[in-house]
Amino acid sequence: MQNDFKSPAFKKLLDSLQQQSWELELLISGFAIFGLFTAYEPLRIGAQNAQNEQQIYQVVLLSVAFIACCILLFNLLLHVVLRGLWIGALGLRYVSGDIEFDKLKYSDRFKNYLQKRIVSFDRYIANLENYCSVLFAISFLLIFHVLALTLIVLSLALVGNFVIDNDELPKWVSNWIGIPLILFLVFGMLLTFLDFITQGLLKRNKWVSKIYFPFYWVFSFLTLSFLYRPLVYNFLDNRFGKRIIYLLTPIYIFILVLSGLEYRNSNYLNKDSSSSTIYANKENYSDMMNDGADFPGGAVIPSKVITTKFLPIFIPYSENVENRVFAYEKSLELKEDRRGLTSTNFRFSNNWSDEITTRAQKDSIRKHYLEIFNETHFFKVDSLEYDSDFIVTTNAKNHLGFETFLSLEGIKDGRHQLRVMRKKREKDTVITVIQESIPFWYFKK
């Protein structure tokens, strides 16, 4: 059905829907709060795991999504509380009508003060209605703002990865198209943000607006602002909407600060301490880690208590691990680093580098990579030293890493200390450092 927005009938329909919108608000808020509570923990865990795995793009996306989830949860919960108060006020008005200050028999000082502050019960209900409606609209407008920020970050990453750092494209494309495009996106992002926080300052001056307009036009598509632009300007031309925005901003900052607070109940003990001869962190024991919620530490063994004749050891992969291998063996470092964003649907490059083109070369370089990893790692169980014999694998939780098994023949029952040792180069010298120190108890079956 096509409606003429200028016709009196359509305006009457909108006025009628406007009066009944609270029902839809509560319904949508209920479903949204349920979905947000469901997504809260997976987003938090996903952002934490991405940070541990040093996946910078996933960290940005999941962190932004998690922040948006927290803000929306706060807004919608506050909206539901205020709507409940509004409904309660309507019910009380039906029973009691307006406030009759004369029946309270207060002194003139309090009576005049309360009449000036409250005015009437109907005004109180009207203010609650305004707060609820504006807060609900702001809550979903924030989704688009967070989406806009994410799209801008993705655009910068995609241009940098697939245009500037793409070896398959001619050099002149990277220099004369990629770099100006990055500069345009960076300046456009800064100008758009400045215009946003000043509520349209760059649009007011005649000459400044001419310079800003091309950035504004491009970013209106890049941030999808053409979908929600009327909503934004409707807020900006309304004093009450501006007041709500100014009120919520310090509240968000306060929540951010509050979320980082924790109570410390010991001067010496900390549950997040690294494993050592006096402390055992659960990140080093696979049976103590929650599924998906915990990321493995620098090395992982199955349990604090080992009853088998062998000790499995798993070292999770991260970009830092590869950087250490490159620092120890420079020949493994490629001229063009291929780590970063890639696509499973489109192939932007066929080769590892100009020098590695065949399957045999790839297998050979992978074998050499693993040899260097084994050369740089060894173990000590108490005073006994063991060479490493790692292979590349994934564990039960699908973490990529390196796994090996140590024989415990000749080890006595009781507590022991596993030390994962690593060699590294400092200038022209090879030194040895303790990467992990993990206590365990060994009892034969």
Protein backbone atom coordinates (compact mmCIF):
# COMPACT_ATOMS: atom_id res chain seq x y z
CA MET A 1 0.00 0.00 0.00
CA GLN A 2 1.43 3.31 -1.09
CA ASN A 3 0.76 6.28 1.19
CA ASP A 4 1.06 9.97 0.37
CA PHE A 5 2.95 11.40 3.33
CA LYS A 6 1.28 14.80 2.74
CA SER A 7 -2.28 13.52 2.87
CA PRO A 8 -4.37 14.17 6.02
CA ALA A 9 -5.35 10.49 6.19
CA PHE A 10 -1.72 9.36 6.36
CA LYS A 11 -0.90 11.97 9.02
CA LYS A 12 -3.91 10.76 11.02
CA LEU A 13 -2.63 7.18 10.72
CA LEU A 14 0.83 8.22 11.96
CA ASP A 15 -0.70 10.10 14.88
CA SER A 16 -2.70 7.00 15.81
CA LEU A 17 0.35 4.73 15.58
CA GLN A 18 2.35 7.25 17.58
CA GLN A 19 -0.12 6.96 20.46
CA GLN A 20 0.14 3.15 20.43
CA SER A 21 3.89 2.87 19.82
CA TRP A 22 4.63 1.98 23.45
CA GLU A 23 3.29 -1.54 22.90
CA LEU A 24 5.69 -2.09 19.99
CA GLU A 25 8.54 -0.53 21.99
CA LEU A 26 8.08 -2.98 24.87
CA LEU A 27 7.74 -5.94 22.51
CA ILE A 28 10.88 -5.07 20.55
CA SER A 29 12.81 -4.21 23.74
CA GLY A 30 11.94 -7.60 25.25
CA PHE A 31 13.15 -9.56 22.21
CA ALA A 32 16.23 -7.34 21.84
CA ILE A 33 17.22 -7.69 25.51
CA PHE A 34 16.89 -11.48 25.30
CA GLY A 35 19.03 -11.57 22.15
CA LEU A 36 21.63 -9.20 23.61
CA PHE A 37 21.98 -11.23 26.81
CA THR A 38 22.43 -14.34 24.63
CA ALA A 39 25.12 -12.64 22.52
CA TYR A 40 26.91 -10.88 25.41
CA GLU A 41 29.09 -13.77 26.61
CA PRO A 42 30.02 -15.14 23.13
CA LEU A 43 31.07 -11.64 22.04
CA ARG A 44 33.15 -11.10 25.17
CA ILE A 45 34.84 -14.49 24.83
CA GLY A 46 35.35 -14.05 21.08
CA ALA A 47 37.02 -10.64 21.56
CA GLN A 48 39.26 -12.03 24.29
CA ASN A 49 40.27 -15.08 22.23
CA ALA A 50 40.93 -12.92 19.17
CA GLN A 51 43.18 -10.72 21.30
CA ASN A 52 45.05 -13.77 22.61
CA GLU A 53 45.47 -15.07 19.06
CA GLN A 54 46.50 -11.56 17.94
CA GLN A 55 43.86 -11.43 15.21
CA ILE A 56 43.68 -7.64 15.00
CA TYR A 57 40.74 -7.50 12.57
CA GLN A 58 38.62 -9.84 14.69
CA VAL A 59 39.60 -7.90 17.81
CA VAL A 60 38.30 -4.65 16.27
CA LEU A 61 35.05 -6.15 14.98
CA LEU A 62 34.21 -8.18 18.08
CA SER A 63 35.21 -5.40 20.46
CA VAL A 64 33.00 -2.90 18.63
CA ALA A 65 30.13 -5.42 18.63
CA PHE A 66 30.63 -6.07 22.35
CA ILE A 67 30.62 -2.35 23.18
CA ALA A 68 27.46 -1.89 21.11
CA CYS A 69 25.87 -4.82 22.93
CA CYS A 70 26.67 -3.27 26.33
CA ILE A 71 25.32 0.16 25.37
CA LEU A 72 22.14 -1.29 23.90
CA LEU A 73 21.58 -3.48 26.95
CA PHE A 74 21.87 -0.48 29.23
CA ASN A 75 19.58 1.68 27.06
CA LEU A 76 16.89 -0.95 26.58
CA LEU A 77 16.86 -2.04 30.23
CA LEU A 78 16.53 1.61 31.24
CA HIS A 79 13.77 2.00 28.64
CA VAL A 80 11.84 -0.99 30.02
CA VAL A 81 12.15 0.35 33.58
CA LEU A 82 10.92 3.82 32.55
CA ARG A 83 8.10 2.31 30.46
CA GLY A 84 7.06 0.22 33.46
CA LEU A 85 7.06 3.38 35.59
CA TRP A 86 4.99 5.15 32.91
CA ILE A 87 2.43 2.32 32.81
CA GLY A 88 2.28 2.35 36.61
CA ALA A 89 1.72 6.11 36.58
CA LEU A 90 -1.13 5.72 34.08
CA GLY A 91 -2.76 3.10 36.29
CA LEU A 92 -2.39 5.33 39.36
CA ARG A 93 -3.88 8.27 37.43
CA TYR A 94 -6.94 6.16 36.62
CA VAL A 95 -7.44 5.43 40.31
CA SER A 96 -6.34 8.68 41.93
CA GLY A 97 -6.49 11.36 39.23
CA ASP A 98 -4.22 14.41 39.54
CA ILE A 99 -2.25 15.42 42.63
CA GLU A 100 -4.35 17.49 45.07
CA PHE A 101 -1.78 19.40 47.09
CA ASP A 102 -4.43 20.96 49.36
CA LYS A 103 -5.36 17.54 50.77
CA LEU A 104 -1.73 16.95 51.83
CA LYS A 105 -2.00 19.85 54.31
CA TYR A 106 1.67 20.81 53.89
CA SER A 107 3.03 24.20 54.93
CA ASP A 108 3.01 26.94 52.31
CA ARG A 109 6.78 26.65 51.83
CA PHE A 110 6.63 22.96 50.86
CA LYS A 111 3.33 23.31 49.03
CA ASN A 112 4.64 26.11 46.78
CA TYR A 113 7.95 24.30 46.22
CA LEU A 114 6.26 21.02 45.20
CA GLN A 115 3.70 22.74 42.98
CA LYS A 116 6.50 24.58 41.21
CA ARG A 117 8.59 21.43 40.74
CA ILE A 118 5.91 18.87 39.94
CA VAL A 119 3.23 21.18 38.43
CA SER A 120 0.85 18.27 37.74
CA PHE A 121 0.77 14.48 37.55
CA ASP A 122 -0.15 14.66 33.85
CA ARG A 123 3.02 16.62 33.16
CA TYR A 124 5.02 13.93 34.96
CA ILE A 125 3.43 11.24 32.74
CA ALA A 126 4.11 13.31 29.62
CA ASN A 127 7.79 13.72 30.58
CA LEU A 128 8.11 9.96 31.16
CA GLU A 129 6.57 9.34 27.73
CA ASN A 130 9.06 11.70 26.10
CA TYR A 131 12.04 10.11 27.84
CA CYS A 132 10.92 6.60 26.88
CA SER A 133 10.31 7.44 23.23
CA VAL A 134 13.58 9.33 22.76
CA LEU A 135 15.61 6.70 24.64
CA PHE A 136 14.15 3.90 22.51
CA ALA A 137 14.97 5.74 19.28
CA ILE A 138 18.52 6.52 20.46
CA SER A 139 19.09 2.85 21.36
CA PHE A 140 18.60 1.66 17.79
CA LEU A 141 20.28 4.70 16.27
CA LEU A 142 23.40 3.59 18.15
CA ILE A 143 23.37 0.32 16.18
CA PHE A 144 23.85 2.29 12.96
CA HIS A 145 26.58 4.45 14.51
CA VAL A 146 28.50 1.37 15.62
CA LEU A 147 27.94 -0.21 12.20
CA ALA A 148 29.26 2.97 10.56
CA LEU A 149 32.43 2.89 12.67
CA THR A 150 32.96 -0.78 11.84
CA LEU A 151 32.51 -0.18 8.10
CA ILE A 152 35.06 2.65 8.14
CA VAL A 153 37.65 0.50 9.94
CA LEU A 154 36.98 -2.36 7.52
CA SER A 155 37.36 -0.02 4.54
CA LEU A 156 40.77 1.13 5.77
CA ALA A 157 41.87 -2.47 6.35
CA LEU A 158 40.59 -3.68 2.97
CA VAL A 159 42.28 -0.87 1.02
CA GLY A 160 45.53 -1.39 2.91
CA ASN A 161 45.51 -5.17 2.49
CA PHE A 162 44.07 -5.65 -1.01
CA VAL A 163 45.29 -2.49 -2.79
CA ILE A 164 48.45 -1.16 -1.14
CA ASP A 165 49.92 -4.51 0.02
CA ASN A 166 48.68 -6.60 -2.92
CA ASP A 167 51.69 -7.89 -4.89
CA GLU A 168 49.48 -8.90 -7.81
CA LEU A 169 48.61 -5.28 -8.61
CA PRO A 170 51.02 -2.97 -10.46
CA LYS A 171 53.10 -0.71 -8.23
CA TRP A 172 51.56 2.43 -9.71
CA VAL A 173 48.10 1.27 -8.59
CA SER A 174 49.31 0.94 -4.98
CA ASN A 175 51.10 4.29 -5.03
CA TRP A 176 48.73 6.45 -7.06
CA ILE A 177 45.38 4.92 -6.13
CA GLY A 178 45.85 3.05 -2.84
CA ILE A 179 47.70 5.76 -0.89
CA PRO A 180 45.39 8.66 -1.97
CA LEU A 181 42.40 6.45 -1.16
CA ILE A 182 43.74 5.75 2.34
CA LEU A 183 44.41 9.48 2.88
CA PHE A 184 40.90 10.33 1.69
CA LEU A 185 39.38 7.78 4.09
CA VAL A 186 41.47 8.98 7.04
CA PHE A 187 40.74 12.68 6.49
CA GLY A 188 37.09 11.92 5.75
CA MET A 189 36.81 9.88 8.95
CA LEU A 190 38.30 12.71 11.03
CA LEU A 191 36.10 15.37 9.41
CA THR A 192 32.96 13.25 9.75
CA PHE A 193 33.72 12.59 13.41
CA LEU A 194 34.36 16.31 14.06
CA ASP A 195 31.10 17.22 12.33
CA PHE A 196 29.28 14.53 14.34
CA ILE A 197 30.47 15.56 17.81
CA THR A 198 29.92 19.28 17.06
CA GLN A 199 26.44 18.49 15.67
CA GLY A 200 27.00 19.91 12.19
CA LEU A 201 29.66 22.58 12.70
CA LEU A 202 31.28 21.92 9.30
CA LYS A 203 27.94 22.36 7.50
CA ARG A 204 27.36 25.91 8.79
CA ASN A 205 30.18 27.88 7.14
CA LYS A 206 29.71 28.46 3.40
CA TRP A 207 33.33 27.80 2.35
CA VAL A 208 34.07 25.02 4.81
CA SER A 209 30.89 23.21 3.76
CA LYS A 210 32.05 23.22 0.12
CA ILE A 211 35.28 21.43 1.10
CA TYR A 212 33.48 19.03 3.44
CA PHE A 213 30.61 18.10 1.08
CA PRO A 214 32.56 15.55 -1.08
CA PHE A 215 33.66 13.73 2.09
CA TYR A 216 30.12 13.91 3.46
CA TRP A 217 28.65 12.50 0.23
CA VAL A 218 31.07 9.55 0.07
CA PHE A 219 30.79 8.73 3.77
CA SER A 220 26.99 8.86 3.63
CA PHE A 221 27.18 5.70 1.50
CA LEU A 222 30.19 4.22 3.27
CA THR A 223 28.53 4.49 6.70
CA LEU A 224 25.00 3.76 5.38
CA SER A 225 23.88 7.06 6.92
CA PHE A 226 21.30 7.53 4.14
CA LEU A 227 19.26 4.85 5.96
CA TYR A 228 19.00 6.74 9.26
CA ARG A 229 19.82 10.37 8.37
CA PRO A 230 16.24 11.69 8.99
CA LEU A 231 16.36 10.19 12.48
CA VAL A 232 19.66 11.99 13.24
CA TYR A 233 18.46 15.40 12.09
CA ASN A 234 15.19 14.96 13.93
CA PHE A 235 17.24 14.59 17.12
CA LEU A 236 19.45 17.57 16.33
CA ASP A 237 16.55 20.01 15.83
CA ASN A 238 14.94 19.01 19.13
CA ARG A 239 16.21 20.40 22.45
CA PHE A 240 14.80 17.49 24.41
CA GLY A 241 16.61 14.95 22.19
CA LYS A 242 19.89 16.86 22.56
CA ARG A 243 19.44 16.91 26.32
CA ILE A 244 19.06 13.12 26.42
CA ILE A 245 22.23 12.67 24.30
CA TYR A 246 24.23 14.99 26.58
CA LEU A 247 22.90 13.11 29.62
CA LEU A 248 23.74 9.64 28.27
CA THR A 249 27.32 10.45 27.17
CA PRO A 250 28.77 10.84 30.71
CA ILE A 251 26.74 7.81 31.82
CA TYR A 252 28.42 5.69 29.12
CA ILE A 253 31.83 6.97 30.23
CA PHE A 254 30.97 6.16 33.85
CA ILE A 255 29.88 2.62 32.88
CA LEU A 256 33.14 2.15 30.96
CA VAL A 257 35.17 3.21 34.00
CA LEU A 258 33.02 1.14 36.34
CA SER A 259 33.41 -2.01 34.21
CA GLY A 260 37.19 -1.90 34.75
CA LEU A 261 36.98 -1.79 38.54
CA GLU A 262 37.65 -4.88 40.64
CA TYR A 263 38.08 -5.58 44.34
CA ARG A 264 41.53 -6.76 45.43
CA ASN A 265 41.26 -8.83 48.61
CA SER A 266 44.94 -9.75 49.06
CA ASN A 267 48.19 -7.81 49.18
CA TYR A 268 50.17 -10.70 47.70
CA LEU A 269 47.91 -13.24 46.00
CA ASN A 270 46.33 -12.83 42.56
CA LYS A 271 44.23 -15.43 40.79
CA ASP A 272 45.61 -14.35 37.40
CA SER A 273 49.26 -14.92 38.32
CA SER A 274 51.37 -16.88 35.85
CA SER A 275 52.21 -20.49 36.68
CA SER A 276 55.41 -20.94 38.69
CA THR A 277 56.88 -23.11 41.44
CA ILE A 278 54.31 -21.67 43.88
CA TYR A 279 51.29 -21.03 41.65
CA ALA A 280 49.28 -23.03 39.09
CA ASN A 281 47.25 -21.01 36.59
CA LYS A 282 44.29 -22.82 35.01
CA GLU A 283 45.33 -21.61 31.53
CA ASN A 284 48.13 -24.20 31.62
CA TYR A 285 45.80 -27.17 32.30
CA SER A 286 43.35 -28.19 29.59
CA ASP A 287 40.91 -29.92 31.98
CA MET A 288 40.49 -26.68 33.98
CA MET A 289 39.70 -24.37 31.05
CA ASN A 290 36.07 -23.62 30.29
CA ASP A 291 34.92 -24.46 26.79
CA GLY A 292 35.39 -21.33 24.70
CA ALA A 293 35.73 -19.03 27.72
CA ASP A 294 39.44 -19.58 28.42
CA PHE A 295 42.37 -19.33 26.04
CA PRO A 296 45.39 -21.58 26.61
CA GLY A 297 48.57 -20.10 28.03
CA GLY A 298 52.07 -20.33 26.55
CA ALA A 299 52.07 -24.12 27.11
CA VAL A 300 49.33 -26.54 28.19
CA ILE A 301 49.37 -29.98 29.82
CA PRO A 302 46.26 -32.17 30.34
CA SER A 303 45.93 -31.83 34.11
CA LYS A 304 47.67 -31.02 37.39
CA VAL A 305 47.73 -34.75 38.14
CA ILE A 306 49.40 -37.00 35.53
CA THR A 307 48.85 -40.77 35.85
CA THR A 308 50.14 -41.92 32.45
CA LYS A 309 53.72 -42.78 31.54
CA PHE A 310 53.92 -39.81 29.20
CA LEU A 311 53.22 -36.08 29.43
CA PRO A 312 51.44 -34.38 26.49
CA ILE A 313 52.50 -30.75 25.92
CA PHE A 314 50.66 -28.32 23.63
CA ILE A 315 51.97 -24.86 22.66
CA PRO A 316 49.25 -22.73 20.97
CA TYR A 317 50.18 -20.85 17.82
CA SER A 318 50.15 -17.06 17.70
CA GLU A 319 51.78 -14.48 15.47
CA ASN A 320 54.34 -13.87 18.22
CA VAL A 321 55.44 -17.52 17.92
CA GLU A 322 56.10 -17.01 14.22
CA ASN A 323 57.88 -13.71 14.83
CA ARG A 324 60.23 -15.51 17.26
CA VAL A 325 60.96 -18.15 14.63
CA PHE A 326 61.76 -15.43 12.08
CA ALA A 327 63.96 -13.60 14.59
CA TYR A 328 65.95 -16.81 15.16
CA GLU A 329 66.11 -17.92 11.51
CA LYS A 330 66.07 -14.98 9.11
CA SER A 331 65.92 -17.21 6.02
CA LEU A 332 62.32 -18.16 6.85
CA GLU A 333 61.11 -14.57 6.74
CA LEU A 334 59.32 -13.78 3.47
CA LYS A 335 60.01 -10.59 1.55
CA GLU A 336 56.27 -9.88 1.59
CA ASP A 337 54.45 -10.87 4.78
CA ARG A 338 51.28 -12.73 3.78
CA ARG A 339 49.61 -12.59 7.20
CA GLY A 340 46.45 -10.50 7.48
CA LEU A 341 43.03 -10.39 5.86
CA THR A 342 42.38 -12.92 3.11
CA SER A 343 39.37 -14.26 1.25
CA THR A 344 38.20 -17.85 0.83
CA ASN A 345 36.01 -16.86 -2.13
CA PHE A 346 38.49 -14.83 -4.18
CA ARG A 347 42.16 -15.50 -4.80
CA PHE A 348 44.30 -12.40 -4.90
CA SER A 349 47.63 -14.18 -5.09
CA ASN A 350 48.74 -17.58 -6.39
CA ASN A 351 52.18 -17.87 -4.82
CA TRP A 352 53.69 -17.63 -1.36
CA SER A 353 56.29 -15.27 -2.75
CA ASP A 354 58.34 -14.77 -5.87
CA GLU A 355 60.69 -17.55 -4.73
CA ILE A 356 58.21 -20.18 -3.45
CA THR A 357 55.99 -21.43 -6.24
CA THR A 358 55.67 -25.24 -6.13
CA ARG A 359 54.04 -27.62 -3.65
CA ALA A 360 57.41 -29.26 -2.96
CA GLN A 361 58.91 -25.88 -2.03
CA LYS A 362 56.00 -25.15 0.30
CA ASP A 363 56.36 -28.53 2.03
CA SER A 364 60.11 -28.04 2.33
CA ILE A 365 59.77 -24.58 3.90
CA ARG A 366 57.13 -25.85 6.34
CA LYS A 367 59.42 -28.70 7.37
CA HIS A 368 62.29 -26.27 7.91
CA TYR A 369 59.95 -24.01 9.93
CA LEU A 370 59.11 -26.92 12.26
CA GLU A 371 62.78 -27.91 12.55
CA ILE A 372 63.66 -24.41 13.72
CA PHE A 373 60.76 -24.45 16.18
CA ASN A 374 62.05 -27.76 17.64
CA GLU A 375 65.60 -26.44 17.68
CA THR A 376 64.57 -23.40 19.71
CA HIS A 377 62.48 -25.32 22.28
CA PHE A 378 63.37 -27.96 24.86
CA PHE A 379 62.11 -29.02 28.28
CA LYS A 380 63.20 -29.60 31.83
CA VAL A 381 61.31 -31.74 34.34
CA ASP A 382 63.00 -30.76 37.57
CA SER A 383 66.69 -31.19 36.65
CA LEU A 384 66.15 -33.65 33.74
CA GLU A 385 66.43 -32.17 30.26
CA TYR A 386 64.37 -33.33 27.23
CA ASP A 387 64.63 -32.44 23.56
CA SER A 388 61.42 -31.41 21.81
CA ASP A 389 59.82 -33.26 18.89
CA PHE A 390 56.80 -31.13 18.05
CA ILE A 391 54.35 -31.60 15.22
CA VAL A 392 51.72 -29.09 14.04
CA THR A 393 48.15 -29.96 15.03
CA THR A 394 44.90 -28.65 16.50
CA ASN A 395 43.73 -29.57 19.97
CA ALA A 396 40.25 -30.67 21.08
CA LYS A 397 39.12 -27.01 21.16
CA ASN A 398 40.33 -26.42 17.59
CA HIS A 399 43.29 -24.24 18.59
CA LEU A 400 46.18 -24.44 16.12
CA GLY A 401 49.52 -25.20 17.74
CA PHE A 402 52.45 -27.53 18.34
CA GLU A 403 52.19 -30.81 20.26
CA THR A 404 54.70 -33.29 21.66
CA PHE A 405 54.89 -36.02 24.33
CA LEU A 406 57.52 -36.50 27.04
CA SER A 407 58.33 -39.90 28.53
CA LEU A 408 58.03 -39.97 32.34
CA GLU A 409 59.99 -43.20 32.80
CA GLY A 410 62.17 -42.89 35.88
CA ILE A 411 60.16 -39.99 37.32
CA LYS A 412 59.20 -40.55 40.98
CA ASP A 413 55.72 -40.01 42.37
CA GLY A 414 55.02 -36.55 43.75
CA ARG A 415 55.22 -32.93 42.69
CA HIS A 416 57.40 -31.90 39.76
CA GLN A 417 58.09 -28.73 37.79
CA LEU A 418 57.89 -28.65 33.99
CA ARG A 419 59.88 -25.84 32.39
CA VAL A 420 59.42 -24.99 28.72
CA MET A 421 62.75 -23.53 27.61
CA ARG A 422 63.23 -21.36 24.52
CA LYS A 423 66.34 -20.19 22.70
CA LYS A 424 66.45 -16.72 21.21
CA ARG A 425 69.03 -14.52 19.55
CA GLU A 426 70.23 -11.30 21.08
CA LYS A 427 72.58 -9.66 18.62
CA ASP A 428 75.20 -12.36 17.91
CA THR A 429 74.49 -14.45 21.01
CA VAL A 430 71.96 -17.26 21.58
CA ILE A 431 70.47 -17.16 25.07
CA THR A 432 67.96 -19.44 26.79
CA VAL A 433 64.85 -18.21 28.61
CA ILE A 434 62.07 -19.97 30.53
CA GLN A 435 58.89 -19.59 28.49
CA GLU A 436 56.58 -21.42 30.93
CA SER A 437 57.03 -23.03 34.34
CA ILE A 438 54.17 -25.42 35.16
CA PRO A 439 53.82 -27.50 38.37
CA PHE A 440 52.24 -30.97 38.16
CA TRP A 441 51.90 -34.10 40.27
CA TYR A 442 52.85 -37.53 38.91
CA PHE A 443 51.33 -40.71 40.35
CA LYS A 444 51.64 -44.03 38.55
CA LYS A 445 48.44 -46.01 38.09
